[in-house]
Protein backbone atom coordinates (compact mmCIF):
# COMPACT_ATOMS: atom_id res chain seq x y z
CA MET A 1 -51.28 9.40 10.14
CA LEU A 2 -52.17 6.89 7.23
CA ILE A 3 -51.12 9.52 4.64
CA VAL A 4 -48.44 10.67 6.45
CA PHE A 5 -47.28 7.14 6.64
CA LYS A 6 -47.93 6.30 2.83
CA LEU A 7 -46.15 9.34 1.99
CA LEU A 8 -43.06 8.09 4.40
CA GLY A 9 -43.39 5.03 2.73
CA SER A 10 -43.21 5.98 -1.02
CA LEU A 11 -40.19 8.09 -0.67
CA ALA A 12 -38.39 5.03 1.27
CA LEU A 13 -39.96 3.38 -1.78
CA LEU A 14 -39.01 5.62 -4.24
CA MET A 15 -34.98 6.44 -2.96
CA PHE A 16 -34.69 2.28 -2.42
CA GLY A 17 -35.94 2.12 -6.51
CA MET A 18 -33.09 4.50 -7.29
CA LYS A 19 -30.36 2.82 -5.38
CA THR A 20 -31.31 -0.83 -6.68
CA MET A 21 -31.70 0.03 -10.42
CA SER A 22 -28.15 2.25 -10.06
CA GLU A 23 -26.56 -0.91 -8.41
CA ALA A 24 -27.80 -3.20 -11.11
CA LEU A 25 -26.68 -0.97 -14.10
CA GLN A 26 -22.99 -0.74 -12.65
CA LYS A 27 -23.09 -4.69 -12.04
CA MET A 28 -23.92 -4.53 -15.98
CA ALA A 29 -21.73 -1.66 -17.18
CA GLY A 30 -19.35 -1.10 -14.58
CA PRO A 31 -15.73 -2.65 -15.84
CA GLN A 32 -16.88 -0.84 -19.42
CA LEU A 33 -17.59 2.23 -18.08
CA ARG A 34 -14.02 2.36 -16.45
CA HIS A 35 -12.61 2.05 -19.78
CA VAL A 36 -14.45 4.58 -21.36
CA LEU A 37 -13.91 7.30 -18.68
CA GLY A 38 -10.15 6.30 -19.02
CA ALA A 39 -10.38 6.60 -22.97
CA MET A 40 -12.62 9.22 -23.79
CA THR A 41 -10.97 12.11 -21.28
CA THR A 42 -8.49 13.62 -24.07
CA ASN A 43 -10.20 17.17 -23.59
CA ARG A 44 -12.44 19.30 -21.06
CA PHE A 45 -15.18 19.01 -23.92
CA THR A 46 -15.16 14.77 -24.26
CA GLY A 47 -14.19 14.66 -20.32
CA VAL A 48 -17.84 16.62 -19.97
CA LEU A 49 -19.33 14.15 -22.61
CA THR A 50 -18.01 11.30 -21.09
CA GLY A 51 -18.91 12.39 -17.71
CA MET A 52 -22.88 12.99 -18.71
CA LEU A 53 -23.18 9.46 -20.56
CA VAL A 54 -21.33 7.42 -17.79
CA THR A 55 -23.59 9.51 -15.34
CA ALA A 56 -27.00 8.99 -17.34
CA SER A 57 -26.27 5.33 -17.98
CA VAL A 58 -25.71 4.39 -14.16
CA GLN A 59 -27.88 7.12 -12.85
CA SER A 60 -25.79 7.81 -10.16
CA SER A 61 -23.21 11.07 -10.11
CA THR A 62 -21.45 9.47 -6.57
CA ALA A 63 -20.40 6.27 -8.90
CA THR A 64 -18.67 8.70 -11.75
CA THR A 65 -17.06 10.63 -8.60
CA VAL A 66 -15.95 7.56 -7.79
CA MET A 67 -14.46 6.51 -11.12
CA THR A 68 -13.03 9.84 -11.88
CA VAL A 69 -11.43 10.36 -8.36
CA SER A 70 -9.62 6.75 -8.86
CA PHE A 71 -8.46 8.07 -11.99
CA VAL A 72 -7.00 11.09 -10.96
CA ASN A 73 -5.22 9.09 -8.20
CA ALA A 74 -3.78 6.51 -10.46
CA GLY A 75 -2.44 9.13 -12.91
CA LEU A 76 -4.66 8.30 -15.59
CA LEU A 77 -6.77 11.40 -15.65
CA THR A 78 -5.23 15.09 -14.43
CA LEU A 79 -7.70 17.24 -11.88
CA ALA A 80 -8.25 19.34 -14.97
CA GLN A 81 -10.05 16.06 -16.82
CA ALA A 82 -11.88 15.23 -13.67
CA ILE A 83 -13.26 18.47 -13.02
CA SER A 84 -14.80 18.69 -17.00
CA VAL A 85 -16.07 14.55 -16.10
CA ILE A 86 -17.97 16.34 -12.51
CA MET A 87 -19.51 18.86 -14.80
CA GLY A 88 -20.64 16.59 -17.21
CA ALA A 89 -21.95 14.14 -14.23
CA ASN A 90 -24.03 16.91 -13.28
CA ILE A 91 -25.98 17.03 -16.76
CA GLY A 92 -26.38 13.46 -16.66
CA THR A 93 -27.96 13.43 -13.20
CA THR A 94 -30.38 15.06 -14.57
CA LEU A 95 -32.07 12.35 -16.59
CA THR A 96 -33.62 10.80 -13.09
CA ALA A 97 -35.52 14.43 -13.05
CA TRP A 98 -36.89 13.27 -16.21
CA ILE A 99 -37.78 9.71 -15.29
CA MET A 100 -39.58 11.28 -11.87
CA SER A 101 -41.39 13.73 -14.21
CA ALA A 102 -43.04 11.59 -16.26
CA GLY A 103 -43.98 9.56 -13.46
CA MET A 104 -45.55 12.37 -12.17
CA SER A 105 -47.90 13.47 -15.14
CA PHE A 106 -49.66 10.21 -15.37
CA ASP A 107 -50.63 7.20 -13.45
CA ILE A 108 -47.62 4.53 -13.78
CA THR A 109 -48.53 2.19 -11.21
CA ASN A 110 -50.13 -0.49 -13.17
CA ALA A 111 -47.73 -0.43 -15.62
CA VAL A 112 -45.07 -1.56 -12.82
CA PHE A 113 -46.54 -4.74 -12.09
CA PRO A 114 -45.83 -6.37 -15.10
CA ALA A 115 -42.20 -5.25 -15.16
CA PHE A 116 -42.22 -6.55 -11.54
CA PHE A 117 -43.85 -10.45 -13.33
CA VAL A 118 -40.80 -10.50 -15.72
CA GLY A 119 -38.05 -9.23 -13.70
CA ILE A 120 -38.96 -11.99 -11.00
CA ILE A 121 -38.31 -14.60 -14.13
CA LEU A 122 -34.79 -12.54 -15.47
CA ILE A 123 -33.83 -13.08 -11.50
CA TYR A 124 -34.01 -16.65 -11.40
CA LEU A 125 -32.50 -17.06 -15.04
CA LYS A 126 -28.89 -16.44 -13.61
CA ARG A 127 -27.91 -14.97 -17.18
CA TYR A 128 -30.36 -12.31 -17.15
CA ARG A 129 -30.54 -11.55 -13.84
CA TYR A 130 -29.12 -7.89 -13.69
CA ILE A 131 -31.53 -7.05 -15.93
CA GLY A 132 -34.55 -8.33 -13.66
CA ASP A 133 -32.34 -6.27 -11.06
CA PHE A 134 -33.06 -2.81 -12.53
CA LEU A 135 -36.58 -3.96 -14.02
CA PHE A 136 -37.45 -4.15 -10.12
CA GLY A 137 -35.50 -1.08 -9.48
CA LEU A 138 -37.16 0.76 -12.21
CA SER A 139 -40.43 -0.28 -10.89
CA PHE A 140 -40.20 0.45 -7.37
CA LEU A 141 -39.07 3.83 -8.66
CA LEU A 142 -42.11 4.29 -10.29
CA LEU A 143 -44.27 3.03 -7.84
CA GLY A 144 -43.06 5.02 -5.09
CA LEU A 145 -43.75 8.14 -7.67
CA GLY A 146 -46.86 6.82 -8.50
CA THR A 147 -48.25 6.28 -4.74
CA LEU A 148 -46.81 9.58 -4.21
CA ARG A 149 -48.27 11.38 -6.81
CA ALA A 150 -51.76 9.33 -5.91
CA THR A 151 -51.19 10.75 -2.25
CA GLY A 152 -50.64 13.82 -3.34
CA MET A 153 -53.57 14.36 -4.59
CA GLU A 154 -55.27 12.47 -1.85
CA MET A 155 -54.00 15.32 0.67
CA HIS A 156 -55.47 18.07 -1.39
CA LEU A 157 -52.58 20.25 -0.92
CA GLY A 158 -53.88 22.74 -3.41
CA GLU A 159 -56.87 23.37 -1.61
CA ASN A 160 -55.19 23.06 1.75
CA LYS A 161 -55.82 26.28 3.94
CA ALA A 162 -52.71 25.67 6.25
CA VAL A 163 -50.49 24.74 3.55
CA LEU A 164 -51.65 27.59 1.45
CA ASP A 165 -51.39 30.35 4.13
CA PHE A 166 -47.92 29.10 5.00
CA PHE A 167 -46.49 29.65 1.48
CA SER A 168 -48.52 32.35 0.68
CA SER A 169 -46.85 34.17 4.08
CA PHE A 170 -43.72 34.28 1.95
CA ASP A 171 -43.58 37.53 -0.57
CA PRO A 172 -43.39 35.54 -3.92
CA SER A 173 -41.31 38.53 -5.24
CA SER A 174 -38.94 39.02 -2.26
CA PHE A 175 -35.11 38.20 -3.30
CA SER A 176 -35.20 36.99 0.51
CA THR A 177 -37.84 34.39 -0.08
CA THR A 178 -35.73 33.22 -2.76
CA LEU A 179 -33.04 32.37 -0.78
CA ILE A 180 -34.72 30.86 2.19
CA PHE A 181 -36.33 28.09 0.38
CA LEU A 182 -32.89 27.65 -1.63
CA LEU A 183 -31.39 27.50 2.25
CA LEU A 184 -34.19 25.34 2.92
CA GLY A 185 -33.80 22.49 -0.66
CA GLY A 186 -30.10 22.19 0.51
CA ILE A 187 -31.19 21.24 4.21
CA LEU A 188 -33.69 18.55 3.47
CA THR A 189 -31.13 17.63 0.97
CA PHE A 190 -28.75 17.20 3.25
CA CYS A 191 -30.62 15.57 6.25
CA VAL A 192 -32.50 13.05 3.39
CA GLN A 193 -29.19 12.64 1.50
CA SER A 194 -30.89 11.87 -1.41
CA SER A 195 -31.72 15.06 -3.91
CA ALA A 196 -33.95 12.79 -5.48
CA ALA A 197 -36.50 12.71 -2.67
CA VAL A 198 -36.31 16.14 -2.20
CA MET A 199 -36.95 16.61 -5.72
CA ALA A 200 -39.99 14.51 -5.79
CA ILE A 201 -41.90 16.45 -2.33
CA THR A 202 -41.14 19.53 -4.70
CA MET A 203 -42.44 18.27 -7.73
CA ILE A 204 -46.19 17.15 -5.42
CA LEU A 205 -46.03 20.86 -3.71
CA CYS A 206 -45.99 22.25 -6.81
CA SER A 207 -48.61 19.79 -9.30
CA SER A 208 -51.00 20.13 -6.60
CA GLY A 209 -50.50 23.93 -6.84
CA ALA A 210 -49.61 24.64 -3.00
CA LEU A 211 -46.13 25.63 -3.86
CA PRO A 212 -45.37 28.69 -6.63
CA ILE A 213 -42.97 27.45 -9.07
CA TYR A 214 -40.61 30.27 -8.49
CA GLN A 215 -40.11 28.93 -4.67
CA GLY A 216 -40.43 25.35 -6.31
CA ILE A 217 -36.89 26.22 -8.39
CA ALA A 218 -35.48 27.76 -5.49
CA LEU A 219 -35.66 24.55 -3.15
CA VAL A 220 -34.26 22.46 -6.55
CA MET A 221 -31.31 25.23 -6.65
CA GLY A 222 -30.73 24.77 -2.69
CA GLU A 223 -30.78 20.79 -3.37
CA ASN A 224 -27.76 21.06 -6.37
CA ILE A 225 -25.99 22.82 -3.35
CA GLY A 226 -27.06 20.25 -0.08
CA THR A 227 -25.75 17.18 -2.60
CA THR A 228 -22.34 18.70 -2.89
CA ILE A 229 -22.51 19.18 0.85
CA THR A 230 -22.64 15.53 1.23
CA SER A 231 -19.50 14.74 -0.86
CA ASN A 232 -17.38 17.04 0.77
CA LEU A 233 -18.35 15.58 4.38
CA ALA A 234 -17.94 12.17 2.71
CA ALA A 235 -14.33 13.63 1.64
CA LEU A 236 -12.93 14.72 4.64
CA SER A 237 -11.08 11.68 5.67
CA ALA A 238 -9.77 11.00 2.22
CA ASN A 239 -6.70 11.72 0.01
CA THR A 240 -5.53 15.09 -1.32
CA GLN A 241 -6.85 14.81 -4.61
CA ALA A 242 -10.68 13.42 -3.70
CA ARG A 243 -11.27 16.64 -1.57
CA ARG A 244 -10.27 18.89 -3.93
CA ALA A 245 -11.98 16.92 -6.89
CA ALA A 246 -15.54 17.15 -4.31
CA LEU A 247 -14.62 20.95 -3.97
CA SER A 248 -14.90 21.25 -7.32
CA HIS A 249 -17.73 20.18 -7.46
CA MET A 250 -19.32 21.94 -4.76
CA LEU A 251 -18.01 25.37 -6.50
CA PHE A 252 -19.23 24.36 -9.78
CA ASN A 253 -22.91 24.46 -8.08
CA PHE A 254 -22.16 27.12 -5.89
CA PHE A 255 -21.14 29.51 -8.28
CA GLY A 256 -23.98 28.32 -10.91
CA VAL A 257 -26.51 29.42 -7.74
CA PHE A 258 -24.79 32.79 -8.11
CA TRP A 259 -25.15 34.01 -11.20
CA ILE A 260 -28.61 32.28 -11.42
CA LEU A 261 -30.11 34.82 -8.97
CA PHE A 262 -29.09 37.62 -10.90
CA VAL A 263 -31.32 36.52 -13.87
CA PHE A 264 -33.64 34.42 -11.63
CA ARG A 265 -37.39 35.60 -12.69
CA PRO A 266 -36.41 35.68 -16.49
CA PHE A 267 -34.44 32.60 -16.60
CA ILE A 268 -37.16 30.46 -15.54
CA ASP A 269 -40.04 32.70 -17.20
CA ALA A 270 -37.86 31.40 -20.59
CA VAL A 271 -37.89 28.05 -19.43
CA CYS A 272 -42.12 28.16 -18.37
CA GLY A 273 -42.52 29.37 -22.18
CA MET A 274 -40.38 26.40 -23.63
CA VAL A 275 -42.38 23.80 -21.48
CA GLY A 276 -45.39 25.46 -22.45
CA TYR A 277 -46.71 26.45 -18.45
CA ASP A 278 -48.39 29.59 -18.33
CA VAL A 279 -46.78 31.30 -15.16
CA THR A 280 -49.50 34.49 -14.76
CA MET A 281 -52.55 31.52 -14.60
CA GLN A 282 -54.83 32.27 -11.87
CA LYS A 283 -57.06 29.42 -10.73
CA GLU A 284 -59.81 31.56 -10.09
CA ALA A 285 -59.82 32.98 -13.66
CA VAL A 286 -60.11 30.37 -15.42
CA GLU A 287 -62.09 26.59 -15.27
CA THR A 288 -60.63 24.15 -12.66
CA SER A 289 -59.75 21.31 -15.19
CA VAL A 290 -57.76 24.07 -17.53
CA PHE A 291 -55.82 25.16 -14.44
CA LEU A 292 -55.01 21.71 -13.52
CA ALA A 293 -53.88 20.93 -16.77
CA ASN A 294 -51.44 23.35 -16.94
CA SER A 295 -50.23 22.94 -13.35
CA ALA A 296 -49.62 19.56 -14.71
CA LYS A 297 -46.38 20.69 -16.81
CA LEU A 298 -45.05 21.78 -13.53
CA SER A 299 -43.24 18.34 -12.88
CA PHE A 300 -41.54 19.05 -16.56
CA VAL A 301 -41.02 22.42 -15.98
CA LEU A 302 -38.96 21.34 -12.64
CA ALA A 303 -36.76 18.74 -14.80
CA ALA A 304 -36.39 21.40 -17.80
CA PHE A 305 -35.19 23.99 -15.28
CA HIS A 306 -32.61 21.61 -13.69
CA THR A 307 -31.09 20.51 -17.28
CA CYS A 308 -31.07 24.04 -18.18
CA PHE A 309 -29.97 25.32 -15.60
CA ASN A 310 -26.85 22.78 -15.53
CA VAL A 311 -26.03 23.07 -19.01
CA ALA A 312 -26.09 26.81 -19.01
CA ASN A 313 -23.57 26.58 -15.92
CA THR A 314 -21.13 23.88 -17.61
CA LEU A 315 -21.26 26.26 -21.00
CA ILE A 316 -20.02 29.00 -19.02
CA LEU A 317 -17.45 27.31 -16.44
CA ILE A 318 -15.90 24.52 -18.88
CA TRP A 319 -13.99 27.47 -20.41
CA PHE A 320 -12.29 28.31 -16.63
CA VAL A 321 -11.29 24.80 -15.96
CA PRO A 322 -7.74 25.67 -15.12
CA GLN A 323 -8.81 28.28 -13.01
CA ILE A 324 -11.12 26.30 -11.44
CA GLU A 325 -8.26 23.51 -10.82
CA ARG A 326 -5.81 26.54 -9.85
CA LEU A 327 -8.21 27.73 -6.85
CA VAL A 328 -9.04 24.60 -5.68
CA CYS A 329 -5.31 22.98 -5.36
CA TRP A 330 -4.71 26.99 -3.82
CA ILE A 331 -7.53 26.20 -1.06
CA ILE A 332 -6.70 22.49 -0.27
CA LYS A 333 -2.68 22.00 0.52
CA PRO A 334 -0.99 18.53 0.49
CA LYS A 335 -1.09 16.86 3.59
CA THR A 336 2.44 17.19 5.02
CA VAL A 337 3.18 13.74 6.10
CA ASP A 338 5.99 11.27 4.81
CA GLU A 339 3.63 9.15 2.37
CA GLU A 340 6.24 6.64 2.59
CA GLU A 341 6.20 5.96 6.23
CA ASP A 342 2.50 7.18 6.64
CA PHE A 343 0.08 3.79 6.80
CA ARG A 344 -2.99 5.60 6.12
CA LEU A 345 -4.96 4.08 3.05
CA HIS A 346 -4.18 6.60 0.14
CA PHE A 347 -6.99 5.43 -2.30
CA ILE A 348 -9.86 4.07 -0.47
CA THR A 349 -12.42 6.60 0.99
CA ALA A 350 -15.16 5.92 3.25
CA GLY A 351 -17.59 8.42 1.62
CA PHE A 352 -17.47 6.62 -1.15
CA MET A 353 -19.58 3.26 -0.05
CA LYS A 354 -22.55 4.14 -2.03
CA THR A 355 -21.11 2.29 -5.18
CA PRO A 356 -19.65 -0.78 -4.14
CA GLU A 357 -19.36 -2.27 -7.69
CA LEU A 358 -17.08 0.63 -8.12
CA SER A 359 -15.64 0.45 -4.75
CA VAL A 360 -13.45 -2.56 -6.18
CA LEU A 361 -11.31 -0.29 -8.01
CA GLU A 362 -10.05 1.95 -5.09
CA ALA A 363 -9.08 -1.26 -3.14
CA GLN A 364 -7.34 -2.54 -6.48
CA LYS A 365 -4.93 0.95 -6.17
CA GLU A 366 -4.93 0.55 -3.06
CA ILE A 367 -3.42 -2.94 -3.62
CA GLN A 368 -1.11 -1.69 -6.03
CA ALA A 369 0.41 0.88 -3.65
CA PHE A 370 0.74 -1.68 -0.91
CA SER A 371 2.56 -3.95 -3.44
CA ASP A 372 5.10 -1.48 -4.21
CA ARG A 373 5.87 -0.43 -0.68
CA MET A 374 6.78 -4.24 0.19
CA GLN A 375 9.60 -4.25 -2.89
CA ARG A 376 10.78 -1.46 -1.03
CA MET A 377 11.02 -2.72 1.97
CA PHE A 378 13.15 -5.36 0.22
CA VAL A 379 15.70 -3.24 -1.02
CA MET A 380 15.96 -1.74 2.41
CA VAL A 381 16.57 -5.33 3.44
CA ARG A 382 20.00 -5.44 0.97
CA GLU A 383 20.69 -1.86 1.95
CA LEU A 384 21.28 -3.71 5.90
CA LEU A 385 22.76 -6.46 4.53
CA GLN A 386 25.44 -4.16 2.72
CA LEU A 387 25.92 -1.80 6.07
CA SER A 388 26.67 -4.95 8.04
CA ALA A 389 29.32 -6.14 5.61
CA THR A 390 30.64 -2.69 5.78
CA SER A 391 33.98 -2.26 8.12
CA SER A 392 34.65 1.59 6.34
CA SER A 393 36.72 4.00 7.90
CA LYS A 394 33.60 5.20 9.65
CA LYS A 395 33.29 5.70 13.38
CA LYS A 396 31.96 2.38 15.16
CA ASN A 397 28.80 4.57 16.65
CA GLU A 398 27.78 6.44 13.85
CA GLN A 399 27.76 2.99 11.87
CA GLU A 400 25.86 1.40 14.67
CA THR A 401 23.62 4.67 14.49
CA GLU A 402 22.91 4.10 10.63
CA PHE A 403 22.33 0.24 10.73
CA ASN A 404 19.86 0.75 13.68
CA LYS A 405 18.21 3.98 11.71
CA LEU A 406 17.62 1.69 9.10
CA PHE A 407 16.49 -1.63 11.07
CA THR A 408 14.47 0.35 12.40
CA ARG A 409 12.44 1.65 9.63
CA ILE A 410 11.93 -1.64 8.26
CA GLU A 411 10.56 -2.79 11.65
CA LYS A 412 8.05 0.38 11.07
CA TYR A 413 7.28 -1.16 7.43
CA GLU A 414 6.60 -4.61 8.88
CA GLY A 415 4.00 -2.62 11.50
CA ILE A 416 2.69 -1.22 8.38
CA SER A 417 2.00 -3.77 6.15
CA ASP A 418 -0.18 -5.62 8.64
CA ASN A 419 -2.46 -2.25 9.19
CA LEU A 420 -2.94 -2.46 5.31
CA GLU A 421 -3.86 -5.73 5.50
CA LEU A 422 -6.75 -5.25 7.83
CA GLU A 423 -7.72 -1.91 6.48
CA ILE A 424 -7.93 -3.16 3.20
CA ALA A 425 -9.40 -6.56 3.86
CA ASN A 426 -11.79 -4.61 6.51
CA TYR A 427 -13.14 -2.33 3.33
CA LEU A 428 -13.12 -5.48 1.14
CA ASP A 429 -15.40 -7.37 3.42
CA GLN A 430 -18.10 -4.25 3.57
CA VAL A 431 -17.99 -3.84 -0.11
CA SER A 432 -18.80 -7.83 -0.61
CA ASP A 433 -21.88 -7.45 1.75
CA ALA A 434 -23.33 -5.51 -1.14
CA HIS A 435 -24.89 -7.09 -4.11
CA LEU A 436 -22.37 -7.75 -6.26
CA SER A 437 -21.72 -9.67 -9.79
CA ASP A 438 -19.93 -12.53 -9.86
CA ASP A 439 -16.71 -11.89 -11.26
CA THR A 440 -16.65 -8.85 -9.03
CA LYS A 441 -17.44 -11.74 -6.17
CA ALA A 442 -14.43 -13.11 -7.45
CA LYS A 443 -12.18 -10.14 -8.05
CA ILE A 444 -12.47 -9.84 -4.32
CA ARG A 445 -11.84 -13.39 -3.50
CA ALA A 446 -8.66 -12.82 -5.32
CA MET A 447 -7.26 -9.59 -3.64
CA LEU A 448 -8.05 -11.12 -0.25
CA ARG A 449 -5.49 -13.64 -1.46
CA GLU A 450 -3.68 -10.82 -2.73
CA ILE A 451 -3.02 -8.91 0.46
CA SER A 452 -2.76 -12.15 2.61
CA GLU A 453 0.18 -13.28 0.59
CA LEU A 454 1.97 -9.38 0.23
CA GLU A 455 1.65 -8.94 3.99
CA SER A 456 3.72 -12.66 4.27
CA ILE A 457 6.22 -11.08 1.95
CA GLY A 458 6.57 -7.88 4.69
CA ASP A 459 7.10 -10.69 7.61
CA SER A 460 9.71 -12.52 5.34
CA CYS A 461 11.17 -9.01 4.75
CA TYR A 462 10.99 -8.32 8.52
CA ASN A 463 12.73 -11.98 9.77
CA MET A 464 15.62 -11.04 7.33
CA ALA A 465 16.31 -8.07 8.67
CA ARG A 466 16.02 -9.35 11.89
CA THR A 467 18.61 -12.30 11.20
CA ILE A 468 21.10 -9.69 9.94
CA SER A 469 20.62 -7.28 13.32
CA ARG A 470 21.12 -10.68 15.37
CA LYS A 471 24.42 -11.42 13.14
CA TYR A 472 25.55 -7.71 13.29
CA GLN A 473 24.69 -7.06 16.86
CA GLY A 474 26.00 -10.87 17.84
CA LYS A 475 29.62 -12.22 17.95
CA GLU A 476 29.34 -14.44 15.44
CA ASP A 477 32.27 -13.83 12.16
CA HIS A 478 31.12 -12.03 9.40
CA PHE A 479 30.55 -13.63 6.30
CA ASN A 480 32.75 -14.03 3.93
CA GLU A 481 32.88 -12.54 0.58
CA ALA A 482 32.02 -15.58 -1.30
CA GLN A 483 29.14 -15.79 1.03
CA TYR A 484 28.17 -11.83 0.22
CA ASN A 485 28.15 -12.50 -3.41
CA HIS A 486 25.76 -15.07 -3.25
CA LEU A 487 23.37 -13.23 -0.97
CA HIS A 488 23.63 -10.17 -3.14
CA GLN A 489 22.91 -12.76 -6.36
CA MET A 490 19.88 -13.99 -4.71
CA MET A 491 18.84 -11.34 -3.53
CA GLU A 492 19.09 -9.42 -6.95
CA LEU A 493 16.58 -12.87 -8.37
CA THR A 494 14.36 -12.01 -5.99
CA ASN A 495 13.78 -8.33 -6.50
CA ASN A 496 13.43 -9.41 -10.16
CA SER A 497 10.85 -11.45 -9.14
CA LEU A 498 9.07 -8.29 -6.95
CA THR A 499 9.81 -6.31 -10.24
CA LEU A 500 7.93 -8.86 -12.20
CA MET A 501 5.23 -8.30 -9.49
CA ASN A 502 4.72 -5.07 -9.72
CA LYS A 503 4.59 -4.96 -13.77
CA LEU A 504 1.24 -7.28 -13.30
CA MET A 505 0.16 -5.01 -10.62
CA THR A 506 0.20 -1.87 -12.53
CA GLY A 507 -0.80 -3.34 -15.55
CA ARG A 508 -2.80 -5.42 -17.69
CA LYS A 509 -3.15 -9.07 -17.07
CA GLU A 510 -3.30 -9.89 -20.53
CA THR A 511 -0.24 -8.20 -21.65
CA PHE A 512 1.36 -10.00 -18.67
CA ASP A 513 4.24 -12.97 -19.77
CA ILE A 514 3.82 -15.20 -16.88
CA ASN A 515 6.43 -17.24 -18.12
CA ARG A 516 8.54 -15.05 -16.84
CA THR A 517 7.85 -15.19 -13.60
CA ILE A 518 7.70 -19.04 -13.71
CA ASN A 519 11.20 -19.06 -14.91
CA THR A 520 12.49 -16.36 -12.65
CA GLU A 521 11.16 -18.84 -9.79
CA HIS A 522 12.87 -21.86 -10.86
CA GLU A 523 15.90 -19.80 -11.44
CA ILE A 524 16.00 -19.09 -7.62
CA ASN A 525 14.82 -22.43 -6.34
CA ASN A 526 17.88 -24.21 -7.99
CA TYR A 527 20.01 -21.41 -7.05
CA ARG A 528 18.57 -22.06 -2.90
CA ASN A 529 19.90 -25.92 -3.94
CA GLN A 530 22.66 -25.56 -4.94
CA LEU A 531 24.31 -23.22 -2.28
CA LYS A 532 22.71 -25.26 0.58
CA LEU A 533 24.72 -27.80 -1.08
CA GLN A 534 27.81 -25.69 -1.15
CA ASN A 535 26.92 -24.29 2.20
CA ILE A 536 27.43 -28.39 3.91
CA ILE A 537 30.79 -28.63 1.87
CA ASP A 538 32.34 -25.31 3.22
CA VAL A 539 31.15 -26.22 6.63
CA ASN A 540 32.87 -29.35 6.41
CA ASN A 541 35.89 -27.66 5.19
CA HIS A 542 35.93 -25.35 7.66
CA GLU A 543 35.15 -22.28 5.55
CA TYR A 544 33.44 -20.57 8.66
CA THR A 545 31.76 -22.40 11.30
CA TYR A 546 28.64 -24.13 11.39
CA ALA A 547 26.58 -20.63 13.23
CA VAL A 548 27.41 -18.41 10.31
CA GLY A 549 26.24 -21.26 7.58
CA THR A 550 23.15 -21.54 9.69
CA ILE A 551 22.14 -17.69 9.68
CA TYR A 552 23.85 -17.16 5.88
CA MET A 553 21.04 -20.47 4.84
CA ASP A 554 18.17 -18.84 6.73
CA LEU A 555 18.65 -15.26 4.70
CA VAL A 556 19.10 -17.90 1.46
CA ASN A 557 15.63 -19.63 2.50
CA GLU A 558 13.80 -16.44 3.07
CA CYS A 559 14.33 -15.38 -0.23
CA GLU A 560 13.38 -18.42 -1.55
CA LYS A 561 10.02 -18.27 0.53
CA LEU A 562 9.27 -14.39 -0.53
CA ALA A 563 9.79 -15.61 -3.67
CA ASP A 564 7.12 -18.04 -3.02
CA TYR A 565 4.54 -15.38 -1.90
CA VAL A 566 5.23 -13.58 -5.29
CA VAL A 567 4.29 -16.05 -6.80
CA ASN A 568 1.00 -16.73 -5.22
CA VAL A 569 0.35 -13.20 -5.63
CA VAL A 570 0.43 -13.31 -9.33
CA GLU A 571 -1.39 -16.34 -9.30
CA ALA A 572 -4.20 -14.63 -7.45
CA ARG A 573 -3.83 -11.91 -9.63
CA MET A 574 -4.49 -13.78 -13.06
CA GLY A 575 -6.70 -16.37 -11.56
CA THR A 576 -4.51 -19.42 -12.43
CA ARG A 577 -2.54 -21.74 -10.91
CA LEU A 578 1.63 -21.89 -11.86
């Protein structure tokens, strides 16, 4: 039982080390890598190279997928470019196998303790704490591997009759045996949600001599399938482009496994020859030390196969990226929903919460869409005012129907804005539970303020719509021509401020001219004050009734209040007080 717990504990340590190391690398290089990903994917070849470098840098193909899908949704990358990046991510993720094979080949546990000591010093030095986190993650990973290796040696798997009998019950030359181990590798990866853990188990079994190399490599191929099933299940609740990207990942690996089965043994023999492993060596025919030295190379054989498999697969499929794109678009059709009337989140996907540092990008895209939606809502309010003023030749019932339909739509938008605020806030709350960099924490605080102010913009629009509806349905007189002109001018200024806000939300704040927002706000305030004084004069001169003047000023004041919320959003995004 002690050995079993040591085995499970070392696997847990390995998985935790991988997670900590990946998150630390993302904190150090996340924003820069996002910019690299956007700039270096001009064609399919640079896309593959970029995906490979980014994944090798952050040690997480999931993180690369998050960024890729985000850029596709934002229109910065085409789906074809995203597919090439995912191909590169498959190559980049093989670096993990090489790190593990090095940890399996010799006892590295003694070297990790100085790394722990250096790591804790760096963590307490605030400036270098992410490097300390990375050292801790790497040390946990290597300690887990070292403990796993030692536990495997204690278990004497290569001499355990029950284990040897189990594996020898499978005919090594049978195609069905390869398929069984392929399926087993996929199921194990899907169950433990970590291809690294299954790779470590495979290395232990192969290095001890218990598991023949051909079955071991079949397990590795199964791991490639299992990890794509996980990402596809995670993407079920995501948008169309995210599901297409996840499906292209699965098709890529399925095709690779399919063609490798036709050249299975020659391909493995070539990899073994490259590493220097003798496939034909029998334990009984040579000295124990010679056999063990040969078996020690097996972890490198597995890592080399993993790399060669993904490189060869990419070299084949990179020429068929357009065909893969058409295939996934044909399989996954866009959902037939009215995007404008649907409050569902379009960029935030629950399946990618494994990379909290990069999940902020998803929230930013969602807030951009939220901001754009609020301007569309304001445009509808302007149309409602126009309808209320129209006394055309339309029948009264037709005009009322059109007015009520538009008011109901605005009312629905108000509910949508409430839902969007809650959904994005809940998502940011989940992200903030993770260990984040100070910059990312500041971004999350700013985004929480942004969504609160955007929801207030929605409330202001709804308040104006209700005021217009109350006047339209009531018995008060219509506004006179001057009042309508003033309201349209006030709404034009307010819409200009919303346009500037959306320009900031979709662009880079370094290039945004903040003075234009300040000037527009001052113009709105001055115009409001001017209309307020004019309203008092007009009521005293009996130009219109006090009740009509009150409704008129309610709309003017609500426009000014809405513009204040816009300024608050700009402040939050720019990180400054206006």
